[in-house]
Amino acid sequence: MVEERAISTQAELAAALHEEGHDVVQTTVSRDVAELGLVKVRAPSGRLVYAAPGTSDADRMRAIAAAMRRYALGVESAGPFVVLMTPSGYASALAQAIDEGRHPAIAGTLAGDNTIFVVPRDGVGTPDGLRDELAGHLHDGAA
């Protein structure tokens, strides 16, 4: 279904499944999304939509880059972590986009209200290298 329609939320997915005659609830859809390994990618419309797990790395990296441009205000290294700053209330959205993008150098994120700790994977480079990569997205497309 996610290959045929642009579905952005679990509620939209549940509604689409209901239209197809499936009796589902949001909690079931949430588990199914995780079990199927669905990821979010940027659709041609610009919306983040669910995609099958085989979605290309390039698509996932573009989704992370777009989320960085949209939400991030700053990036810095702090010990073994990379710290991202966002406007108040936007850290969770950016962290979710990063987690769903499954960046090969990122083990995970921890978001507060306006700050995200990005945890680099062991053995895939330095926090400074990841910081520079993520910071580069802030300037992509800037005039």
C-alpha atoms as a PDB file:
ATOM      1  CA  MET A   1       0.000   0.000   0.000  1.00  0.00           C
ATOM      2  CA  VAL A   2       2.817   2.441   0.828  1.00  0.00           C
ATOM      3  CA  GLU A   3       4.259   1.844  -2.638  1.00  0.00           C
ATOM      4  CA  GLU A   4       0.950   2.856  -4.245  1.00  0.00           C
ATOM      5  CA  ARG A   5      -0.030   5.862  -2.090  1.00  0.00           C
ATOM      6  CA  ALA A   6       1.699   8.760  -0.379  1.00  0.00           C
ATOM      7  CA  ILE A   7       0.996   7.952   3.279  1.00  0.00           C
ATOM      8  CA  SER A   8       2.614  10.206   5.871  1.00  0.00           C
ATOM      9  CA  THR A   9       1.163   9.146   9.207  1.00  0.00           C
ATOM     10  CA  GLN A  10       0.036   6.022  11.002  1.00  0.00           C
ATOM     11  CA  ALA A  11      -3.479   7.498  11.111  1.00  0.00           C
ATOM     12  CA  GLU A  12      -3.442   7.845   7.304  1.00  0.00           C
ATOM     13  CA  LEU A  13      -2.192   4.266   7.016  1.00  0.00           C
ATOM     14  CA  ALA A  14      -4.936   2.993   9.337  1.00  0.00           C
ATOM     15  CA  ALA A  15      -7.569   4.899   7.307  1.00  0.00           C
ATOM     16  CA  ALA A  16      -6.228   3.449   4.050  1.00  0.00           C
ATOM     17  CA  LEU A  17      -6.332  -0.055   5.521  1.00  0.00           C
ATOM     18  CA  HIS A  18      -9.928   0.542   6.670  1.00  0.00           C
ATOM     19  CA  GLU A  19     -10.810   1.598   3.086  1.00  0.00           C
ATOM     20  CA  GLU A  20      -9.415  -1.735   1.908  1.00  0.00           C
ATOM     21  CA  GLY A  21     -11.626  -3.587   4.382  1.00  0.00           C
ATOM     22  CA  HIS A  22      -9.072  -4.293   7.130  1.00  0.00           C
ATOM     23  CA  ASP A  23     -10.173  -3.779  10.722  1.00  0.00           C
ATOM     24  CA  VAL A  24      -7.116  -2.225  12.405  1.00  0.00           C
ATOM     25  CA  VAL A  25      -6.371   0.135  15.253  1.00  0.00           C
ATOM     26  CA  GLN A  26      -3.526   2.622  15.496  1.00  0.00           C
ATOM     27  CA  THR A  27      -1.537   0.529  17.988  1.00  0.00           C
ATOM     28  CA  THR A  28      -1.614  -2.428  15.595  1.00  0.00           C
ATOM     29  CA  VAL A  29      -0.495  -0.176  12.746  1.00  0.00           C
ATOM     30  CA  SER A  30       2.348   1.158  14.897  1.00  0.00           C
ATOM     31  CA  ARG A  31       3.630  -2.362  15.585  1.00  0.00           C
ATOM     32  CA  ASP A  32       3.237  -3.320  11.924  1.00  0.00           C
ATOM     33  CA  VAL A  33       5.201  -0.268  10.752  1.00  0.00           C
ATOM     34  CA  ALA A  34       8.056  -1.241  13.065  1.00  0.00           C
ATOM     35  CA  GLU A  35       7.874  -4.940  12.176  1.00  0.00           C
ATOM     36  CA  LEU A  36       7.881  -4.225   8.436  1.00  0.00           C
ATOM     37  CA  GLY A  37      10.781  -1.794   8.843  1.00  0.00           C
ATOM     38  CA  LEU A  38       8.981   0.976   6.970  1.00  0.00           C
ATOM     39  CA  VAL A  39      11.011   4.146   6.615  1.00  0.00           C
ATOM     40  CA  LYS A  40      10.063   7.695   5.726  1.00  0.00           C
ATOM     41  CA  VAL A  41      11.418   9.306   2.580  1.00  0.00           C
ATOM     42  CA  ARG A  42      10.812  12.636   0.899  1.00  0.00           C
ATOM     43  CA  ALA A  43       8.165  12.320  -1.820  1.00  0.00           C
ATOM     44  CA  PRO A  44       8.320  14.505  -4.954  1.00  0.00           C
ATOM     45  CA  SER A  45       5.662  16.687  -3.291  1.00  0.00           C
ATOM     46  CA  GLY A  46       8.108  17.387  -0.464  1.00  0.00           C
ATOM     47  CA  ARG A  47       6.109  15.441   2.145  1.00  0.00           C
ATOM     48  CA  LEU A  48       7.735  12.709   4.210  1.00  0.00           C
ATOM     49  CA  VAL A  49       5.948   9.459   3.377  1.00  0.00           C
ATOM     50  CA  TYR A  50       6.305   5.826   4.364  1.00  0.00           C
ATOM     51  CA  ALA A  51       8.344   3.627   2.044  1.00  0.00           C
ATOM     52  CA  ALA A  52       9.363  -0.013   1.957  1.00  0.00           C
ATOM     53  CA  PRO A  53      12.611  -0.920   3.730  1.00  0.00           C
ATOM     54  CA  GLY A  54      14.386  -1.398   0.398  1.00  0.00           C
ATOM     55  CA  THR A  55      14.268   2.327  -0.210  1.00  0.00           C
ATOM     56  CA  SER A  56      17.623   3.522  -1.430  1.00  0.00           C
ATOM     57  CA  ASP A  57      20.237   4.954   0.892  1.00  0.00           C
ATOM     58  CA  ALA A  58      20.277   8.078  -1.268  1.00  0.00           C
ATOM     59  CA  ASP A  59      16.555   8.645  -0.595  1.00  0.00           C
ATOM     60  CA  ARG A  60      17.062   8.214   3.146  1.00  0.00           C
ATOM     61  CA  MET A  61      20.041  10.574   3.158  1.00  0.00           C
ATOM     62  CA  ARG A  62      17.994  13.163   1.222  1.00  0.00           C
ATOM     63  CA  ALA A  63      15.241  12.854   3.843  1.00  0.00           C
ATOM     64  CA  ILE A  64      17.740  13.492   6.658  1.00  0.00           C
ATOM     65  CA  ALA A  65      19.235  16.440   4.764  1.00  0.00           C
ATOM     66  CA  ALA A  66      15.793  17.959   4.187  1.00  0.00           C
ATOM     67  CA  ALA A  67      14.874  17.560   7.862  1.00  0.00           C
ATOM     68  CA  MET A  68      18.179  19.167   8.907  1.00  0.00           C
ATOM     69  CA  ARG A  69      17.502  22.162   6.650  1.00  0.00           C
ATOM     70  CA  ARG A  70      13.967  22.458   7.944  1.00  0.00           C
ATOM     71  CA  TYR A  71      14.507  22.043  11.694  1.00  0.00           C
ATOM     72  CA  ALA A  72      18.174  22.425  12.725  1.00  0.00           C
ATOM     73  CA  LEU A  73      19.639  25.716  13.882  1.00  0.00           C
ATOM     74  CA  GLY A  74      23.090  24.486  14.851  1.00  0.00           C
ATOM     75  CA  VAL A  75      25.387  21.494  15.185  1.00  0.00           C
ATOM     76  CA  GLU A  76      28.342  20.904  17.494  1.00  0.00           C
ATOM     77  CA  SER A  77      30.446  18.094  18.918  1.00  0.00           C
ATOM     78  CA  ALA A  78      30.310  17.348  22.629  1.00  0.00           C
ATOM     79  CA  GLY A  79      32.590  14.512  23.677  1.00  0.00           C
ATOM     80  CA  PRO A  80      31.458  11.338  21.953  1.00  0.00           C
ATOM     81  CA  PHE A  81      28.164  12.936  20.817  1.00  0.00           C
ATOM     82  CA  VAL A  82      26.934  15.357  18.211  1.00  0.00           C
ATOM     83  CA  VAL A  83      24.462  17.908  19.538  1.00  0.00           C
ATOM     84  CA  LEU A  84      21.808  19.456  17.298  1.00  0.00           C
ATOM     85  CA  MET A  85      19.880  22.586  18.263  1.00  0.00           C
ATOM     86  CA  THR A  86      16.374  23.348  16.958  1.00  0.00           C
ATOM     87  CA  PRO A  87      13.689  25.913  17.699  1.00  0.00           C
ATOM     88  CA  SER A  88      11.653  25.039  20.777  1.00  0.00           C
ATOM     89  CA  GLY A  89       9.416  22.030  20.119  1.00  0.00           C
ATOM     90  CA  TYR A  90      11.138  20.780  16.959  1.00  0.00           C
ATOM     91  CA  ALA A  91      13.789  18.435  18.347  1.00  0.00           C
ATOM     92  CA  SER A  92      11.491  15.416  18.356  1.00  0.00           C
ATOM     93  CA  ALA A  93      10.545  15.846  14.687  1.00  0.00           C
ATOM     94  CA  LEU A  94      14.175  16.119  13.623  1.00  0.00           C
ATOM     95  CA  ALA A  95      15.253  13.177  15.797  1.00  0.00           C
ATOM     96  CA  GLN A  96      12.480  11.057  14.314  1.00  0.00           C
ATOM     97  CA  ALA A  97      13.573  11.926  10.773  1.00  0.00           C
ATOM     98  CA  ILE A  98      17.172  11.014  11.623  1.00  0.00           C
ATOM     99  CA  ASP A  99      16.157   7.732  13.279  1.00  0.00           C
ATOM    100  CA  GLU A 100      13.866   6.794  10.377  1.00  0.00           C
ATOM    101  CA  GLY A 101      16.604   7.690   7.901  1.00  0.00           C
ATOM    102  CA  ARG A 102      18.828   4.995   9.403  1.00  0.00           C
ATOM    103  CA  HIS A 103      22.069   6.850   8.764  1.00  0.00           C
ATOM    104  CA  PRO A 104      24.828   4.228   8.801  1.00  0.00           C
ATOM    105  CA  ALA A 105      27.007   6.287  11.158  1.00  0.00           C
ATOM    106  CA  ILE A 106      24.237   7.006  13.693  1.00  0.00           C
ATOM    107  CA  ALA A 107      23.232   4.515  16.383  1.00  0.00           C
ATOM    108  CA  GLY A 108      20.345   6.662  17.618  1.00  0.00           C
ATOM    109  CA  THR A 109      19.125   9.970  18.965  1.00  0.00           C
ATOM    110  CA  LEU A 110      17.782  11.371  22.214  1.00  0.00           C
ATOM    111  CA  ALA A 111      15.587  14.457  21.861  1.00  0.00           C
ATOM    112  CA  GLY A 112      14.506  17.076  24.337  1.00  0.00           C
ATOM    113  CA  ASP A 113      12.482  20.162  23.487  1.00  0.00           C
ATOM    114  CA  ASN A 114      15.102  21.974  21.426  1.00  0.00           C
ATOM    115  CA  THR A 115      18.218  19.800  21.681  1.00  0.00           C
ATOM    116  CA  ILE A 116      19.129  16.394  20.277  1.00  0.00           C
ATOM    117  CA  PHE A 117      22.005  14.150  21.285  1.00  0.00           C
ATOM    118  CA  VAL A 118      23.097  12.115  18.259  1.00  0.00           C
ATOM    119  CA  VAL A 119      24.981   8.948  19.198  1.00  0.00           C
ATOM    120  CA  PRO A 120      27.524   7.888  16.561  1.00  0.00           C
ATOM    121  CA  ARG A 121      28.075   4.191  15.921  1.00  0.00           C
ATOM    122  CA  ASP A 122      31.343   2.728  17.155  1.00  0.00           C
ATOM    123  CA  GLY A 123      34.029   2.411  14.523  1.00  0.00           C
ATOM    124  CA  VAL A 124      32.439   4.480  11.741  1.00  0.00           C
ATOM    125  CA  GLY A 125      34.438   7.662  12.048  1.00  0.00           C
ATOM    126  CA  THR A 126      34.651  10.486  14.539  1.00  0.00           C
ATOM    127  CA  PRO A 127      31.937  12.610  16.107  1.00  0.00           C
ATOM    128  CA  ASP A 128      33.609  15.601  14.412  1.00  0.00           C
ATOM    129  CA  GLY A 129      33.213  13.955  10.997  1.00  0.00           C
ATOM    130  CA  LEU A 130      29.521  13.299  11.643  1.00  0.00           C
ATOM    131  CA  ARG A 131      29.133  16.848  12.977  1.00  0.00           C
ATOM    132  CA  ASP A 132      30.657  18.257   9.784  1.00  0.00           C
ATOM    133  CA  GLU A 133      28.423  16.091   7.600  1.00  0.00           C
ATOM    134  CA  LEU A 134      25.263  17.124   9.442  1.00  0.00           C
ATOM    135  CA  ALA A 135      26.316  20.778   9.578  1.00  0.00           C
ATOM    136  CA  GLY A 136      26.858  20.701   5.804  1.00  0.00           C
ATOM    137  CA  HIS A 137      23.134  20.043   5.354  1.00  0.00           C
ATOM    138  CA  LEU A 138      22.349  23.380   7.010  1.00  0.00           C
ATOM    139  CA  HIS A 139      24.003  25.161   4.113  1.00  0.00           C
ATOM    140  CA  ASP A 140      22.762  22.951   1.242  1.00  0.00           C
ATOM    141  CA  GLY A 141      20.684  25.055  -1.095  1.00  0.00           C
ATOM    142  CA  ALA A 142      21.498  28.308   0.737  1.00  0.00           C
ATOM    143  CA  ALA A 143      22.170  31.300  -1.448  1.00  0.00           C
END
